[in-house]
Protein backbone atom coordinates (compact mmCIF):
# COMPACT_ATOMS: atom_id res chain seq x y z
CA MET A 1 0.19 -0.09 0.24
CA THR A 2 1.35 3.25 -0.69
CA ASP A 3 2.22 5.67 1.89
CA ASN A 4 0.44 9.24 1.19
CA SER A 5 1.66 11.00 4.68
CA PRO A 6 4.10 13.72 3.52
CA ALA A 7 6.95 11.18 5.37
CA GLY A 8 5.44 8.36 3.18
CA LYS A 9 5.90 11.15 -0.07
CA LEU A 10 9.39 12.53 1.35
CA PHE A 11 10.96 8.56 1.93
CA SER A 12 9.43 7.85 -1.60
CA HIS A 13 10.75 11.16 -3.63
CA TYR A 14 14.43 10.59 -2.20
CA GLU A 15 14.63 6.64 -2.50
CA GLN A 16 13.75 7.22 -6.35
CA ALA A 17 15.94 10.39 -6.61
CA GLY A 18 18.81 8.15 -4.89
CA GLU A 19 18.37 5.61 -7.83
CA GLU A 20 18.86 8.73 -10.93
CA PRO A 21 22.50 9.61 -11.84
CA PRO A 22 24.74 10.41 -9.34
CA VAL A 23 23.56 13.34 -7.30
CA LEU A 24 27.01 15.13 -7.63
CA GLU A 25 26.94 15.43 -11.19
CA LYS A 26 24.05 17.36 -11.14
CA THR A 27 25.13 19.60 -7.81
CA TYR A 28 28.58 20.44 -6.89
CA LEU A 29 30.36 18.31 -9.86
CA SER A 30 27.77 19.75 -12.99
CA THR A 31 29.18 20.13 -15.97
CA ASN A 32 27.34 23.53 -15.88
CA VAL A 33 29.39 26.05 -14.47
CA LEU A 34 26.49 28.35 -13.23
CA ALA A 35 24.69 25.33 -11.24
CA ARG A 36 28.10 24.01 -9.91
CA MET A 37 28.60 27.75 -8.72
CA LEU A 38 25.71 27.68 -6.67
CA TRP A 39 26.41 24.37 -4.78
CA GLN A 40 30.43 24.68 -4.34
CA ARG A 41 29.50 28.36 -2.67
CA ARG A 42 27.82 26.96 -0.13
CA ALA A 43 29.82 24.27 0.91
CA ARG A 44 33.24 26.81 0.85
CA GLU A 45 31.37 28.83 3.23
CA ILE A 46 30.33 25.64 5.17
CA PHE A 47 33.89 24.77 5.25
CA ARG A 48 35.45 28.40 6.06
CA LEU A 49 33.36 27.75 9.64
CA LEU A 50 33.70 23.83 10.28
CA LEU A 51 37.47 23.37 9.10
CA PRO A 52 39.36 25.05 11.70
CA LEU A 53 36.96 23.58 14.21
CA VAL A 54 37.93 19.80 12.92
CA LYS A 55 40.49 18.25 14.57
CA LYS A 56 42.31 15.45 13.57
CA GLY A 57 40.89 12.15 14.85
CA ASP A 58 37.28 14.40 15.78
CA THR A 59 34.40 11.90 14.80
CA VAL A 60 31.97 14.31 12.76
CA ILE A 61 28.10 13.10 11.82
CA ASP A 62 27.18 14.28 8.30
CA ILE A 63 23.45 13.54 8.57
CA GLY A 64 21.88 13.66 5.26
CA CYS A 65 24.90 13.31 3.30
CA GLY A 66 23.35 12.87 -0.21
CA GLY A 67 26.41 11.83 -2.49
CA GLY A 68 29.16 12.29 0.51
CA TRP A 69 31.11 15.67 -0.75
CA TYR A 70 31.08 16.94 2.90
CA SER A 71 31.78 14.07 4.31
CA LYS A 72 35.11 13.10 1.99
CA ARG A 73 36.64 16.39 2.61
CA PHE A 74 36.62 16.13 6.04
CA ALA A 75 37.95 13.03 6.61
CA GLU A 76 40.71 14.60 3.97
CA GLU A 77 41.49 16.43 6.87
CA GLY A 78 42.01 13.64 9.10
CA ALA A 79 38.37 13.17 10.70
CA ARG A 80 36.83 10.03 11.70
CA VAL A 81 33.07 10.39 9.68
CA ILE A 82 30.00 8.65 9.85
CA ALA A 83 27.83 9.80 6.71
CA THR A 84 24.24 9.29 7.41
CA ASP A 85 20.96 9.25 4.92
CA ILE A 86 17.43 7.97 5.25
CA ALA A 87 17.92 7.06 1.34
CA SER A 88 19.57 3.88 0.07
CA GLY A 89 20.89 5.50 -3.34
CA TYR A 90 22.47 8.10 -1.63
CA VAL A 91 24.40 5.42 0.66
CA ARG A 92 25.59 3.86 -1.89
CA GLN A 93 26.71 7.05 -4.03
CA THR A 94 28.57 8.33 -0.99
CA ARG A 95 30.42 4.53 -0.34
CA ALA A 96 31.51 4.91 -3.75
CA TYR A 97 32.30 8.42 -3.71
CA CYS A 98 34.54 7.65 -0.41
CA ARG A 99 35.67 4.40 -1.33
CA ASP A 100 38.80 5.71 -1.46
CA VAL A 101 39.03 7.24 2.03
CA GLU A 102 39.34 4.65 5.20
CA SER A 103 37.50 6.79 7.85
CA VAL A 104 34.38 7.30 6.32
CA ALA A 105 31.68 4.82 7.60
CA VAL A 106 28.23 5.35 5.53
CA VAL A 107 24.91 4.34 7.48
CA GLN A 108 21.25 4.32 6.40
CA CYS A 109 19.04 6.13 9.11
CA ASP A 110 16.70 8.43 10.11
CA ALA A 111 17.66 11.80 10.65
CA ALA A 112 15.49 11.49 13.82
CA ASN A 113 16.43 8.24 14.82
CA LEU A 114 20.73 8.37 15.06
CA PRO A 115 22.06 5.18 15.55
CA PHE A 116 25.24 6.55 17.94
CA ALA A 117 26.59 6.75 21.69
CA ASP A 118 25.41 9.51 23.78
CA LYS A 119 27.86 12.30 23.50
CA SER A 120 30.12 10.68 20.77
CA ALA A 121 30.40 13.69 18.15
CA SER A 122 32.80 16.62 18.24
CA VAL A 123 31.30 18.08 15.16
CA VAL A 124 27.62 17.65 13.28
CA ILE A 125 26.37 18.69 10.12
CA ILE A 126 22.76 18.69 9.00
CA SER A 127 22.98 21.08 5.80
CA GLU A 128 19.72 21.21 3.72
CA VAL A 129 17.79 18.68 5.89
CA LEU A 130 15.78 20.05 8.74
CA GLU A 131 13.09 21.69 5.95
CA HIS A 132 12.60 18.25 4.33
CA LEU A 133 12.32 16.53 7.77
CA VAL A 134 8.59 16.24 9.36
CA SER A 135 9.39 16.55 12.96
CA PRO A 136 12.98 18.90 12.75
CA GLU A 137 12.30 19.52 16.59
CA GLN A 138 13.01 15.51 16.74
CA ALA A 139 16.18 15.67 14.58
CA VAL A 140 17.64 18.49 16.91
CA ALA A 141 17.06 17.14 20.40
CA ASP A 142 19.33 13.65 19.03
CA ILE A 143 21.97 16.11 18.19
CA LYS A 144 22.16 17.50 21.01
CA ARG A 145 21.77 13.78 22.64
CA VAL A 146 25.23 12.79 20.09
CA LEU A 147 27.44 15.76 20.66
CA LYS A 148 30.05 15.75 23.06
CA ASN A 149 30.14 18.54 25.50
CA GLY A 150 31.34 21.60 23.51
CA GLY A 151 31.09 20.16 20.09
CA GLU A 152 29.52 21.67 17.43
CA VAL A 153 27.12 21.62 15.17
CA LEU A 154 26.39 23.44 11.49
CA MET A 155 22.77 23.98 10.40
CA SER A 156 21.99 25.01 6.92
CA VAL A 157 18.43 25.39 5.53
CA PRO A 158 17.04 27.41 2.25
CA SER A 159 15.54 30.99 2.99
CA MET A 160 11.80 31.88 2.54
CA LEU A 161 13.54 35.53 1.66
CA ASN A 162 15.08 34.01 -1.56
CA ILE A 163 13.56 32.05 -4.38
CA GLU A 164 11.94 29.54 -2.21
CA LEU A 165 9.14 30.53 -1.74
CA ALA A 166 8.85 30.98 -5.61
CA ALA A 167 9.63 27.41 -5.75
CA ARG A 168 6.97 25.89 -3.28
CA LEU A 169 4.63 28.65 -5.14
CA MET A 170 5.13 27.36 -8.20
CA ALA A 171 5.08 23.31 -7.11
CA LYS A 172 1.61 24.47 -5.55
CA MET A 173 0.32 25.89 -8.72
CA ARG A 174 1.55 22.67 -10.63
CA GLY A 175 -0.10 20.26 -8.27
CA GLU A 176 3.54 18.58 -7.30
CA PHE A 177 4.71 17.11 -4.67
CA TYR A 178 6.97 19.19 -2.96
CA GLU A 179 10.34 18.03 -0.58
CA HIS A 180 10.02 21.07 1.69
CA LEU A 181 7.97 20.73 4.27
CA GLN A 182 9.34 23.59 6.65
CA SER A 183 9.94 26.77 6.08
CA TYR A 184 12.25 29.61 7.31
CA THR A 185 13.37 33.01 7.19
CA PRO A 186 16.80 34.31 8.89
CA TRP A 187 15.16 34.74 12.30
CA SER A 188 12.79 32.12 12.92
CA PHE A 189 15.86 29.86 11.82
CA ARG A 190 17.37 31.27 15.29
CA ARG A 191 15.12 31.33 17.29
CA PHE A 192 14.31 27.59 15.71
CA ALA A 193 18.09 26.53 16.87
CA SER A 194 17.59 28.78 20.37
CA ASN A 195 14.62 27.24 21.08
CA ASN A 196 15.58 24.20 20.95
CA GLY A 197 18.67 24.60 23.38
CA PHE A 198 21.69 25.66 21.16
CA ARG A 199 23.64 28.49 21.62
CA VAL A 200 24.01 30.74 18.37
CA ARG A 201 27.76 31.75 17.53
CA HIS A 202 27.29 32.23 13.97
CA PHE A 203 24.48 33.04 12.61
CA GLY A 204 23.95 34.75 8.85
CA THR A 205 23.53 33.53 5.00
CA CYS A 206 24.83 32.59 1.43
CA LEU A 207 23.88 32.21 -2.14
CA PHE A 208 22.30 36.39 -2.40
CA LEU A 209 22.98 36.94 -6.34
CA PRO A 210 20.25 34.74 -8.58
CA ILE A 211 21.81 32.07 -10.68
CA PRO A 212 20.55 31.13 -14.04
CA TRP A 213 19.32 27.38 -14.03
CA GLY A 214 18.27 24.44 -16.48
CA ARG A 215 20.18 24.00 -19.74
CA LEU A 216 22.18 27.48 -19.46
CA HIS A 217 25.86 26.17 -19.52
CA SER A 218 29.23 28.07 -19.96
CA ARG A 219 32.70 27.25 -19.50
CA ILE A 220 33.81 31.31 -18.73
CA LYS A 221 35.86 30.88 -15.40
CA ALA A 222 35.67 34.91 -14.76
CA ILE A 223 31.84 34.17 -14.56
CA GLU A 224 33.14 31.94 -11.01
CA LYS A 225 35.36 34.41 -10.07
CA VAL A 226 32.88 37.63 -10.17
CA TYR A 227 30.34 35.89 -8.88
CA ASN A 228 32.46 34.75 -5.36
CA PHE A 229 33.71 38.67 -5.45
CA THR A 230 30.66 39.88 -5.46
CA GLU A 231 29.20 37.59 -2.94
CA ASN A 232 31.68 37.95 -0.71
CA ILE A 233 31.27 41.74 -0.76
CA ILE A 234 27.83 41.15 -0.08
CA ALA A 235 28.37 39.46 2.94
CA PHE A 236 29.80 42.64 4.68
CA VAL A 237 26.33 44.48 3.80
CA PRO A 238 24.43 45.33 6.96
CA GLY A 239 20.76 44.07 6.27
CA VAL A 240 21.43 42.52 2.19
CA ASN A 241 23.76 39.76 4.41
CA ARG A 242 20.30 38.35 5.84
CA LEU A 243 18.54 38.19 2.14
CA GLY A 244 21.04 35.01 1.01
CA ARG A 245 19.36 31.96 -0.72
CA THR A 246 20.62 29.75 2.54
CA ILE A 247 21.08 30.67 5.89
CA ILE A 248 23.99 29.22 8.20
CA ILE A 249 23.88 28.45 11.97
CA LEU A 250 26.73 27.58 14.02
CA ALA A 251 25.92 26.54 17.33
CA GLN A 252 26.76 24.67 20.60
CA VAL A 253 24.61 23.02 23.00
CA GLU A 254 23.37 25.40 25.70
């Protein structure tokens, strides 16, 4: 019997997505330089915040690992990484992408039911995952449980103040299932973190500029340099720097 609940639809959506061509080929390693810029810009900001905090031998849990982009990089920096995803296809893709890195273990599990010991992780990353969950509060409660004292969590979600609202409306107009079950503004996401027992150490956004999508291709590397330079400038403009497509919070358990 088909499960038509939001959770059931979501699971089916990502099980199907995991069977398609590797997700990294459509995102971080896309041949479309404009698409690749968007994904790698977010990753660059996440690495900027987290890499200085990860020491050799630390345990890092990557929740919703997708194709394993973050997991492999942290392992290359000397961390012991546990990559998790609920979709079996993404689990296989991460194992394939990280096959030459010994310190990555890949586990299929629910973000709200992590099969790990209390206070076992130094760092948790949950990037572009919470918006997909029926109960993100359960997920962050389990993150608090597995984090060591003084451990860090990095959470990122799409912002309703950018193209997320348009994407949501387009899906509704077409009668399509939209996989983002939760919505956040920068300020509501900060409240979400604080209300669930985290002390926010960094609060910001990135991906301010729109990037043409679809079939638009380009091989002009100068575009990428100009894009990153402009993004760096906007990040320092008060007010405007809260209007990016992705909200990023770095926090510790209170």
